[in-house]
Amino acid sequence: MDEPLSALDLKLRKEMQIELKRLQLETGITFVFVTHDQEEALTMSDRIAVMSAGRIQQIGTARDIYIHPKNRFVASFIGETNFLTGSAEAGALRLATGERIEAPGLAAGAAATISVRPEQVRLSLPSDGLKATVRALVYFGTDTHCHLHLADCTEIVARLQSPASGEAGLAVGQPVGLRFADGAVQRVED
């Protein structure tokens, strides 16, 4: 199937995703589903092959590709992500700001890049974790995307579940600290 749902509106597309999955399970037929919609690939697939310039970058389950992307292309293509680059130390990444991020399995060496998904970013007091400043708040209903800048102007996006009141309790220009959920930091190859 070559992008079979691309011309449908969002509500009908969601309904058809469920219907196609049901048909596939009932018939037992293998579907090869081509899409440029990353969310659709994650929700529809048992296995995904991510391709770039005619080459396979990674094959795996949706969960494996999302949580453990092999390289920068896969990390940025499947879902949203934050990239941080610095000097590799034993078990950590040293940023240009001098701050240190725990990165289990990272060996000392040259420059390295890590990936952290926005939903794995945790905000805290400015004295706790990496120092950042709120640059923008974008309300999406269920989520609020908090755009942050580190001291060197590196942008980090945190996806925060919106509270029932709709008020995130944050303001543009506010200093905050940030940390990452356990297991969230993934090294990616360039």
N, C-alpha and C. Protein backbone atom coordinates (compact mmCIF):
# COMPACT_ATOMS: atom_id res chain seq x y z
N MET A 1 0.85 -1.17 0.00
CA MET A 1 0.00 0.00 0.00
C MET A 1 0.89 1.23 0.00
N ASP A 2 0.70 2.07 -0.96
CA ASP A 2 1.52 3.27 -1.08
C ASP A 2 0.72 4.48 -0.59
N GLU A 3 0.97 4.88 0.63
CA GLU A 3 0.32 6.01 1.28
C GLU A 3 -1.20 5.98 1.10
N PRO A 4 -1.86 4.89 1.51
CA PRO A 4 -3.30 4.75 1.27
C PRO A 4 -4.18 5.71 2.06
N LEU A 5 -3.67 6.31 3.12
CA LEU A 5 -4.51 7.17 3.95
C LEU A 5 -4.18 8.65 3.82
N SER A 6 -3.24 8.99 2.95
CA SER A 6 -2.72 10.36 2.88
C SER A 6 -3.77 11.41 2.50
N ALA A 7 -4.79 11.05 1.75
CA ALA A 7 -5.78 12.04 1.30
C ALA A 7 -6.97 12.16 2.24
N LEU A 8 -6.95 11.43 3.35
CA LEU A 8 -8.09 11.44 4.27
C LEU A 8 -7.91 12.49 5.36
N ASP A 9 -9.04 13.01 5.86
CA ASP A 9 -8.95 13.94 6.98
C ASP A 9 -8.54 13.15 8.23
N LEU A 10 -8.12 13.84 9.27
CA LEU A 10 -7.53 13.22 10.45
C LEU A 10 -8.45 12.19 11.11
N LYS A 11 -9.71 12.53 11.31
CA LYS A 11 -10.63 11.61 11.99
C LYS A 11 -10.82 10.32 11.19
N LEU A 12 -11.04 10.45 9.88
CA LEU A 12 -11.23 9.28 9.03
C LEU A 12 -9.94 8.46 8.94
N ARG A 13 -8.79 9.15 8.89
CA ARG A 13 -7.50 8.46 8.84
C ARG A 13 -7.32 7.57 10.07
N LYS A 14 -7.66 8.09 11.27
CA LYS A 14 -7.55 7.31 12.51
C LYS A 14 -8.47 6.09 12.47
N GLU A 15 -9.70 6.28 11.98
CA GLU A 15 -10.64 5.16 11.87
C GLU A 15 -10.12 4.10 10.90
N MET A 16 -9.57 4.54 9.77
CA MET A 16 -9.06 3.61 8.77
C MET A 16 -7.82 2.87 9.25
N GLN A 17 -7.01 3.51 10.08
CA GLN A 17 -5.85 2.82 10.66
C GLN A 17 -6.32 1.61 11.45
N ILE A 18 -7.34 1.80 12.28
CA ILE A 18 -7.88 0.69 13.08
C ILE A 18 -8.47 -0.38 12.16
N GLU A 19 -9.20 0.03 11.14
CA GLU A 19 -9.82 -0.92 10.21
C GLU A 19 -8.75 -1.73 9.45
N LEU A 20 -7.71 -1.07 8.97
CA LEU A 20 -6.64 -1.79 8.26
C LEU A 20 -5.92 -2.78 9.18
N LYS A 21 -5.67 -2.38 10.42
CA LYS A 21 -5.02 -3.30 11.37
C LYS A 21 -5.92 -4.51 11.63
N ARG A 22 -7.24 -4.27 11.74
CA ARG A 22 -8.19 -5.36 11.95
C ARG A 22 -8.19 -6.31 10.75
N LEU A 23 -8.22 -5.75 9.54
CA LEU A 23 -8.21 -6.58 8.33
C LEU A 23 -6.93 -7.41 8.24
N GLN A 24 -5.82 -6.80 8.56
CA GLN A 24 -4.55 -7.51 8.50
C GLN A 24 -4.53 -8.68 9.50
N LEU A 25 -5.02 -8.45 10.69
CA LEU A 25 -5.07 -9.52 11.70
C LEU A 25 -6.03 -10.63 11.29
N GLU A 26 -7.18 -10.26 10.77
CA GLU A 26 -8.18 -11.25 10.36
C GLU A 26 -7.71 -12.10 9.19
N THR A 27 -7.08 -11.49 8.20
CA THR A 27 -6.69 -12.22 7.00
C THR A 27 -5.33 -12.89 7.14
N GLY A 28 -4.49 -12.35 8.03
CA GLY A 28 -3.14 -12.89 8.20
C GLY A 28 -2.21 -12.54 7.05
N ILE A 29 -2.63 -11.62 6.22
CA ILE A 29 -1.82 -11.20 5.07
C ILE A 29 -0.80 -10.16 5.51
N THR A 30 0.40 -10.29 4.99
CA THR A 30 1.42 -9.28 5.26
C THR A 30 1.14 -8.05 4.44
N PHE A 31 1.11 -6.90 5.08
CA PHE A 31 0.95 -5.63 4.39
C PHE A 31 2.30 -4.93 4.36
N VAL A 32 2.66 -4.40 3.22
CA VAL A 32 3.81 -3.49 3.13
C VAL A 32 3.18 -2.12 2.98
N PHE A 33 3.38 -1.29 3.99
CA PHE A 33 2.69 0.00 4.10
C PHE A 33 3.72 1.10 3.97
N VAL A 34 3.64 1.86 2.88
CA VAL A 34 4.58 2.96 2.64
C VAL A 34 3.93 4.25 3.11
N THR A 35 4.66 5.00 3.95
CA THR A 35 4.15 6.27 4.43
C THR A 35 5.29 7.22 4.77
N HIS A 36 5.01 8.51 4.64
CA HIS A 36 5.94 9.53 5.11
C HIS A 36 5.47 10.10 6.44
N ASP A 37 4.33 9.63 6.92
CA ASP A 37 3.76 10.08 8.18
C ASP A 37 4.33 9.21 9.30
N GLN A 38 5.22 9.79 10.09
CA GLN A 38 5.92 9.03 11.12
C GLN A 38 4.97 8.46 12.17
N GLU A 39 3.96 9.24 12.57
CA GLU A 39 3.00 8.75 13.56
C GLU A 39 2.25 7.54 13.00
N GLU A 40 1.89 7.61 11.74
CA GLU A 40 1.19 6.50 11.09
C GLU A 40 2.09 5.26 11.06
N ALA A 41 3.35 5.44 10.76
CA ALA A 41 4.29 4.31 10.76
C ALA A 41 4.38 3.68 12.14
N LEU A 42 4.46 4.50 13.18
CA LEU A 42 4.56 3.97 14.54
C LEU A 42 3.31 3.22 14.95
N THR A 43 2.14 3.73 14.60
CA THR A 43 0.89 3.12 15.05
C THR A 43 0.46 1.92 14.20
N MET A 44 0.84 1.87 12.96
CA MET A 44 0.36 0.83 12.05
C MET A 44 1.28 -0.38 11.94
N SER A 45 2.52 -0.26 12.36
CA SER A 45 3.53 -1.26 12.00
C SER A 45 3.88 -2.24 13.11
N ASP A 46 4.11 -3.48 12.69
CA ASP A 46 4.74 -4.46 13.58
C ASP A 46 6.25 -4.29 13.49
N ARG A 47 6.73 -4.00 12.27
CA ARG A 47 8.16 -3.73 12.04
C ARG A 47 8.25 -2.55 11.07
N ILE A 48 9.28 -1.76 11.27
CA ILE A 48 9.49 -0.57 10.44
C ILE A 48 10.88 -0.64 9.82
N ALA A 49 10.98 -0.23 8.57
CA ALA A 49 12.28 -0.01 7.93
C ALA A 49 12.36 1.48 7.64
N VAL A 50 13.31 2.15 8.26
CA VAL A 50 13.51 3.58 8.01
C VAL A 50 14.56 3.70 6.92
N MET A 51 14.20 4.43 5.85
CA MET A 51 15.11 4.55 4.71
C MET A 51 15.47 6.01 4.47
N SER A 52 16.67 6.22 3.95
CA SER A 52 17.12 7.54 3.54
C SER A 52 18.01 7.37 2.32
N ALA A 53 17.74 8.14 1.30
CA ALA A 53 18.52 8.10 0.06
C ALA A 53 18.65 6.67 -0.47
N GLY A 54 17.56 5.90 -0.38
CA GLY A 54 17.55 4.54 -0.91
C GLY A 54 18.26 3.50 -0.06
N ARG A 55 18.71 3.88 1.12
CA ARG A 55 19.41 2.94 2.00
C ARG A 55 18.63 2.76 3.30
N ILE A 56 18.60 1.51 3.76
CA ILE A 56 17.96 1.23 5.04
C ILE A 56 18.85 1.72 6.17
N GLN A 57 18.28 2.56 7.02
CA GLN A 57 19.01 3.10 8.17
C GLN A 57 18.83 2.22 9.41
N GLN A 58 17.60 1.69 9.59
CA GLN A 58 17.32 0.85 10.75
C GLN A 58 16.04 0.07 10.50
N ILE A 59 16.03 -1.19 10.95
CA ILE A 59 14.84 -2.03 10.90
C ILE A 59 14.57 -2.49 12.33
N GLY A 60 13.31 -2.44 12.74
CA GLY A 60 12.96 -2.91 14.06
C GLY A 60 11.51 -2.63 14.37
N THR A 61 11.13 -2.92 15.61
CA THR A 61 9.78 -2.61 16.04
C THR A 61 9.66 -1.10 16.21
N ALA A 62 8.45 -0.62 16.21
CA ALA A 62 8.23 0.81 16.41
C ALA A 62 8.85 1.27 17.72
N ARG A 63 8.63 0.50 18.77
CA ARG A 63 9.16 0.86 20.10
C ARG A 63 10.69 0.90 20.08
N ASP A 64 11.33 -0.10 19.48
CA ASP A 64 12.79 -0.15 19.45
C ASP A 64 13.38 1.03 18.67
N ILE A 65 12.80 1.32 17.53
CA ILE A 65 13.31 2.42 16.71
C ILE A 65 13.10 3.76 17.41
N TYR A 66 11.98 3.92 18.08
CA TYR A 66 11.70 5.18 18.77
C TYR A 66 12.61 5.36 20.00
N ILE A 67 12.77 4.31 20.78
CA ILE A 67 13.55 4.41 22.03
C ILE A 67 15.05 4.30 21.79
N HIS A 68 15.46 3.48 20.81
CA HIS A 68 16.88 3.24 20.57
C HIS A 68 17.24 3.50 19.11
N PRO A 69 17.12 4.74 18.64
CA PRO A 69 17.49 5.02 17.25
C PRO A 69 18.99 4.81 17.04
N LYS A 70 19.35 4.24 15.89
CA LYS A 70 20.76 3.95 15.62
C LYS A 70 21.57 5.18 15.26
N ASN A 71 20.92 6.16 14.63
CA ASN A 71 21.68 7.33 14.20
C ASN A 71 20.81 8.59 14.26
N ARG A 72 21.44 9.70 13.99
CA ARG A 72 20.77 11.01 14.07
C ARG A 72 19.58 11.09 13.11
N PHE A 73 19.71 10.55 11.90
CA PHE A 73 18.62 10.59 10.95
C PHE A 73 17.39 9.88 11.50
N VAL A 74 17.56 8.66 11.99
CA VAL A 74 16.42 7.89 12.52
C VAL A 74 15.80 8.61 13.71
N ALA A 75 16.64 9.12 14.62
CA ALA A 75 16.13 9.82 15.80
C ALA A 75 15.30 11.03 15.42
N SER A 76 15.72 11.76 14.39
CA SER A 76 14.98 12.97 14.00
C SER A 76 13.79 12.65 13.10
N PHE A 77 13.85 11.56 12.35
CA PHE A 77 12.78 11.22 11.42
C PHE A 77 11.58 10.61 12.14
N ILE A 78 11.84 9.76 13.12
CA ILE A 78 10.77 9.10 13.86
C ILE A 78 10.52 9.87 15.15
N GLY A 79 9.51 10.69 15.16
CA GLY A 79 9.17 11.48 16.34
C GLY A 79 10.03 12.72 16.47
N GLU A 80 9.78 13.46 17.53
CA GLU A 80 10.56 14.65 17.83
C GLU A 80 11.67 14.27 18.79
N THR A 81 12.78 14.99 18.73
CA THR A 81 13.88 14.70 19.65
C THR A 81 14.71 15.95 19.88
N ASN A 82 15.46 15.91 20.96
CA ASN A 82 16.44 16.95 21.29
C ASN A 82 17.82 16.35 21.11
N PHE A 83 18.71 17.07 20.46
CA PHE A 83 20.10 16.63 20.31
C PHE A 83 20.99 17.52 21.15
N LEU A 84 21.90 16.90 21.85
CA LEU A 84 22.92 17.62 22.61
C LEU A 84 24.27 17.06 22.23
N THR A 85 25.20 17.95 21.92
CA THR A 85 26.54 17.53 21.51
C THR A 85 27.55 18.07 22.52
N GLY A 86 28.54 17.26 22.78
CA GLY A 86 29.59 17.67 23.72
C GLY A 86 30.75 16.71 23.67
N SER A 87 31.58 16.75 24.70
CA SER A 87 32.74 15.87 24.80
C SER A 87 32.36 14.64 25.61
N ALA A 88 32.68 13.48 25.08
CA ALA A 88 32.37 12.24 25.77
C ALA A 88 33.33 12.02 26.93
N GLU A 89 32.76 11.70 28.07
CA GLU A 89 33.52 11.30 29.24
C GLU A 89 33.02 9.92 29.63
N ALA A 90 33.69 9.25 30.52
CA ALA A 90 33.22 7.93 30.95
C ALA A 90 31.85 8.07 31.61
N GLY A 91 30.81 7.60 30.91
CA GLY A 91 29.46 7.62 31.45
C GLY A 91 28.78 8.97 31.46
N ALA A 92 29.31 9.93 30.70
CA ALA A 92 28.71 11.26 30.70
C ALA A 92 29.06 12.02 29.44
N LEU A 93 28.30 13.10 29.22
CA LEU A 93 28.56 14.03 28.13
C LEU A 93 28.79 15.39 28.76
N ARG A 94 29.92 16.01 28.44
CA ARG A 94 30.24 17.35 28.94
C ARG A 94 29.84 18.36 27.87
N LEU A 95 28.88 19.23 28.20
CA LEU A 95 28.41 20.24 27.25
C LEU A 95 29.38 21.41 27.17
N ALA A 96 29.22 22.24 26.16
CA ALA A 96 30.05 23.44 26.00
C ALA A 96 29.90 24.38 27.19
N THR A 97 28.74 24.32 27.86
CA THR A 97 28.50 25.16 29.04
C THR A 97 29.28 24.68 30.26
N GLY A 98 29.89 23.48 30.14
CA GLY A 98 30.61 22.89 31.27
C GLY A 98 29.74 21.94 32.08
N GLU A 99 28.43 21.96 31.82
CA GLU A 99 27.52 21.08 32.55
C GLU A 99 27.68 19.65 32.05
N ARG A 100 27.33 18.71 32.93
CA ARG A 100 27.54 17.29 32.66
C ARG A 100 26.20 16.56 32.65
N ILE A 101 25.99 15.71 31.65
CA ILE A 101 24.78 14.89 31.55
C ILE A 101 25.20 13.43 31.70
N GLU A 102 24.58 12.73 32.63
CA GLU A 102 24.84 11.30 32.78
C GLU A 102 24.40 10.59 31.51
N ALA A 103 25.29 9.78 30.96
CA ALA A 103 25.01 9.03 29.73
C ALA A 103 25.65 7.66 29.87
N PRO A 104 24.96 6.75 30.57
CA PRO A 104 25.52 5.42 30.79
C PRO A 104 25.97 4.76 29.49
N GLY A 105 27.13 4.14 29.54
CA GLY A 105 27.67 3.45 28.37
C GLY A 105 28.51 4.33 27.47
N LEU A 106 28.53 5.63 27.70
CA LEU A 106 29.34 6.53 26.89
C LEU A 106 30.79 6.43 27.34
N ALA A 107 31.68 6.14 26.43
CA ALA A 107 33.11 6.01 26.75
C ALA A 107 33.82 7.33 26.47
N ALA A 108 34.85 7.59 27.21
CA ALA A 108 35.64 8.81 27.02
C ALA A 108 36.20 8.83 25.60
N GLY A 109 36.21 10.00 25.01
CA GLY A 109 36.72 10.11 23.65
C GLY A 109 36.45 11.49 23.09
N ALA A 110 36.20 11.53 21.83
CA ALA A 110 35.99 12.80 21.12
C ALA A 110 34.56 13.29 21.31
N ALA A 111 34.11 14.08 20.40
CA ALA A 111 32.76 14.62 20.45
C ALA A 111 31.73 13.50 20.33
N ALA A 112 30.60 13.71 20.98
CA ALA A 112 29.51 12.73 20.93
C ALA A 112 28.19 13.50 20.91
N THR A 113 27.15 12.83 20.40
CA THR A 113 25.81 13.41 20.36
C THR A 113 24.86 12.47 21.05
N ILE A 114 23.99 13.04 21.89
CA ILE A 114 22.94 12.25 22.53
C ILE A 114 21.59 12.77 22.07
N SER A 115 20.60 11.91 22.20
CA SER A 115 19.22 12.23 21.82
C SER A 115 18.34 12.00 23.05
N VAL A 116 17.42 12.94 23.28
CA VAL A 116 16.44 12.80 24.37
C VAL A 116 15.09 13.25 23.82
N ARG A 117 14.09 12.41 23.94
CA ARG A 117 12.75 12.74 23.46
C ARG A 117 12.11 13.79 24.37
N PRO A 118 11.32 14.71 23.82
CA PRO A 118 10.72 15.79 24.61
C PRO A 118 9.90 15.33 25.81
N GLU A 119 9.22 14.19 25.69
CA GLU A 119 8.40 13.71 26.80
C GLU A 119 9.24 13.14 27.95
N GLN A 120 10.55 13.01 27.71
CA GLN A 120 11.46 12.49 28.74
C GLN A 120 12.21 13.61 29.48
N VAL A 121 11.91 14.86 29.13
CA VAL A 121 12.53 16.01 29.79
C VAL A 121 11.68 16.38 31.01
N ARG A 122 12.32 16.54 32.15
CA ARG A 122 11.65 16.89 33.40
C ARG A 122 12.13 18.26 33.86
N LEU A 123 11.19 19.17 34.17
CA LEU A 123 11.55 20.49 34.66
C LEU A 123 11.62 20.48 36.18
N SER A 124 12.50 21.32 36.71
CA SER A 124 12.68 21.40 38.15
C SER A 124 13.08 22.83 38.52
N LEU A 125 13.49 23.00 39.75
CA LEU A 125 13.97 24.30 40.20
C LEU A 125 15.25 24.67 39.45
N PRO A 126 15.52 25.97 39.26
CA PRO A 126 16.71 26.40 38.53
C PRO A 126 18.02 25.87 39.12
N SER A 127 18.03 25.58 40.41
CA SER A 127 19.25 25.09 41.06
C SER A 127 19.43 23.59 40.89
N ASP A 128 18.48 22.92 40.24
CA ASP A 128 18.48 21.46 40.14
C ASP A 128 18.59 21.04 38.68
N GLY A 129 19.70 20.48 38.26
CA GLY A 129 19.87 19.98 36.90
C GLY A 129 20.49 21.02 35.99
N LEU A 130 20.35 20.80 34.67
CA LEU A 130 20.87 21.75 33.69
C LEU A 130 20.12 23.07 33.81
N LYS A 131 20.82 24.16 33.67
CA LYS A 131 20.20 25.47 33.76
C LYS A 131 19.64 25.86 32.38
N ALA A 132 18.38 26.29 32.38
CA ALA A 132 17.72 26.66 31.13
C ALA A 132 16.77 27.83 31.39
N THR A 133 16.34 28.45 30.29
CA THR A 133 15.39 29.55 30.34
C THR A 133 14.23 29.22 29.41
N VAL A 134 13.00 29.46 29.87
CA VAL A 134 11.81 29.24 29.04
C VAL A 134 11.78 30.30 27.95
N ARG A 135 11.77 29.86 26.69
CA ARG A 135 11.74 30.78 25.54
C ARG A 135 10.36 30.90 24.94
N ALA A 136 9.56 29.81 24.98
CA ALA A 136 8.21 29.84 24.42
C ALA A 136 7.40 28.70 25.01
N LEU A 137 6.09 28.91 25.11
CA LEU A 137 5.16 27.88 25.56
C LEU A 137 4.09 27.72 24.49
N VAL A 138 3.89 26.49 24.00
CA VAL A 138 2.91 26.24 22.95
C VAL A 138 1.91 25.22 23.48
N TYR A 139 0.68 25.65 23.61
CA TYR A 139 -0.39 24.82 24.18
C TYR A 139 -1.05 24.00 23.08
N PHE A 140 -1.12 22.66 23.27
CA PHE A 140 -1.73 21.75 22.29
C PHE A 140 -2.96 21.06 22.83
N GLY A 141 -3.46 21.49 23.96
CA GLY A 141 -4.60 20.81 24.57
C GLY A 141 -4.10 19.78 25.57
N THR A 142 -3.79 18.58 25.09
CA THR A 142 -3.30 17.54 25.99
C THR A 142 -1.88 17.81 26.47
N ASP A 143 -1.10 18.49 25.65
CA ASP A 143 0.31 18.77 25.96
C ASP A 143 0.58 20.26 25.86
N THR A 144 1.62 20.67 26.56
CA THR A 144 2.20 21.99 26.37
C THR A 144 3.66 21.77 26.02
N HIS A 145 4.10 22.32 24.89
CA HIS A 145 5.49 22.21 24.51
C HIS A 145 6.22 23.41 25.06
N CYS A 146 7.21 23.14 25.89
CA CYS A 146 8.00 24.19 26.53
C CYS A 146 9.35 24.25 25.81
N HIS A 147 9.59 25.34 25.08
CA HIS A 147 10.84 25.54 24.37
C HIS A 147 11.81 26.24 25.32
N LEU A 148 12.96 25.63 25.51
CA LEU A 148 13.94 26.11 26.48
C LEU A 148 15.26 26.40 25.78
N HIS A 149 16.03 27.31 26.34
CA HIS A 149 17.39 27.54 25.87
C HIS A 149 18.35 27.28 27.01
N LEU A 150 19.42 26.54 26.70
CA LEU A 150 20.52 26.40 27.66
C LEU A 150 21.37 27.66 27.58
N ALA A 151 22.37 27.78 28.44
CA ALA A 151 23.21 28.98 28.47
C ALA A 151 23.89 29.26 27.13
N ASP A 152 24.19 28.20 26.34
CA ASP A 152 24.84 28.40 25.04
C ASP A 152 23.84 28.53 23.90
N CYS A 153 22.57 28.73 24.23
CA CYS A 153 21.45 28.89 23.28
C CYS A 153 21.02 27.60 22.60
N THR A 154 21.51 26.45 23.04
CA THR A 154 21.01 25.18 22.55
C THR A 154 19.54 25.08 22.93
N GLU A 155 18.68 24.74 21.95
CA GLU A 155 17.25 24.63 22.24
C GLU A 155 16.89 23.22 22.66
N ILE A 156 16.09 23.12 23.71
CA ILE A 156 15.54 21.86 24.19
C ILE A 156 14.04 22.04 24.25
N VAL A 157 13.29 21.03 23.81
CA VAL A 157 11.84 21.07 23.91
C VAL A 157 11.42 20.02 24.93
N ALA A 158 10.59 20.45 25.88
CA ALA A 158 10.00 19.54 26.86
C ALA A 158 8.52 19.45 26.56
N ARG A 159 8.01 18.23 26.47
CA ARG A 159 6.58 18.03 26.26
C ARG A 159 5.98 17.71 27.61
N LEU A 160 5.17 18.63 28.11
CA LEU A 160 4.59 18.50 29.44
C LEU A 160 3.10 18.23 29.32
N GLN A 161 2.60 17.29 30.10
CA GLN A 161 1.16 17.04 30.07
C GLN A 161 0.47 18.27 30.64
N SER A 162 -0.52 18.76 29.92
CA SER A 162 -1.23 19.96 30.35
C SER A 162 -2.08 19.65 31.58
N PRO A 163 -2.00 20.51 32.59
CA PRO A 163 -2.85 20.31 33.77
C PRO A 163 -4.31 20.58 33.44
N ALA A 164 -5.21 20.08 34.27
CA ALA A 164 -6.65 20.23 34.05
C ALA A 164 -7.05 21.71 33.96
N SER A 165 -6.34 22.57 34.68
CA SER A 165 -6.68 24.00 34.67
C SER A 165 -6.24 24.69 33.39
N GLY A 166 -5.36 24.03 32.62
CA GLY A 166 -4.85 24.63 31.39
C GLY A 166 -3.67 25.55 31.62
N GLU A 167 -3.37 25.87 32.87
CA GLU A 167 -2.28 26.78 33.20
C GLU A 167 -1.04 25.96 33.55
N ALA A 168 0.05 26.12 32.78
CA ALA A 168 1.26 25.34 32.99
C ALA A 168 2.09 25.83 34.17
N GLY A 169 1.80 27.05 34.68
CA GLY A 169 2.58 27.57 35.81
C GLY A 169 3.96 28.03 35.40
N LEU A 170 4.19 28.21 34.12
CA LEU A 170 5.48 28.66 33.60
C LEU A 170 5.28 29.97 32.85
N ALA A 171 6.37 30.73 32.71
CA ALA A 171 6.30 31.98 31.97
C ALA A 171 7.55 32.13 31.11
N VAL A 172 7.39 32.78 29.97
CA VAL A 172 8.52 33.06 29.10
C VAL A 172 9.53 33.90 29.89
N GLY A 173 10.81 33.52 29.77
CA GLY A 173 11.88 34.20 30.49
C GLY A 173 12.20 33.59 31.84
N GLN A 174 11.37 32.67 32.31
CA GLN A 174 11.56 32.04 33.61
C GLN A 174 12.75 31.08 33.58
N PRO A 175 13.66 31.16 34.57
CA PRO A 175 14.73 30.18 34.66
C PRO A 175 14.19 28.88 35.26
N VAL A 176 14.66 27.77 34.72
CA VAL A 176 14.27 26.45 35.22
C VAL A 176 15.49 25.53 35.20
N GLY A 177 15.37 24.43 35.89
CA GLY A 177 16.35 23.35 35.78
C GLY A 177 15.72 22.24 34.97
N LEU A 178 16.54 21.44 34.34
CA LEU A 178 15.97 20.29 33.64
C LEU A 178 16.83 19.06 33.83
N ARG A 179 16.12 17.96 33.86
CA ARG A 179 16.72 16.63 34.00
C ARG A 179 16.04 15.73 32.97
N PHE A 180 16.59 14.53 32.83
CA PHE A 180 16.02 13.58 31.88
C PHE A 180 15.60 12.32 32.63
N ALA A 181 14.49 11.72 32.20
CA ALA A 181 13.99 10.49 32.81
C ALA A 181 15.05 9.39 32.70
N ASP A 182 14.99 8.44 33.62
CA ASP A 182 15.92 7.30 33.59
C ASP A 182 15.82 6.59 32.25
N GLY A 183 16.96 6.31 31.65
CA GLY A 183 17.02 5.58 30.39
C GLY A 183 16.71 6.42 29.16
N ALA A 184 16.45 7.72 29.34
CA ALA A 184 16.05 8.57 28.22
C ALA A 184 17.20 8.98 27.33
N VAL A 185 18.41 9.08 27.87
CA VAL A 185 19.56 9.56 27.12
C VAL A 185 20.09 8.43 26.23
N GLN A 186 20.10 8.69 24.91
CA GLN A 186 20.57 7.70 23.94
C GLN A 186 21.67 8.32 23.09
N ARG A 187 22.81 7.63 22.98
CA ARG A 187 23.85 8.11 22.08
C ARG A 187 23.43 7.81 20.65
N VAL A 188 23.65 8.77 19.77
CA VAL A 188 23.34 8.55 18.35
C VAL A 188 24.58 8.89 17.53
N GLU A 189 24.76 8.12 16.48
CA GLU A 189 25.86 8.38 15.55
C GLU A 189 25.43 9.43 14.55
N ASP A 190 26.37 10.25 14.12
CA ASP A 190 26.05 11.26 13.12
C ASP A 190 26.00 10.59 11.77
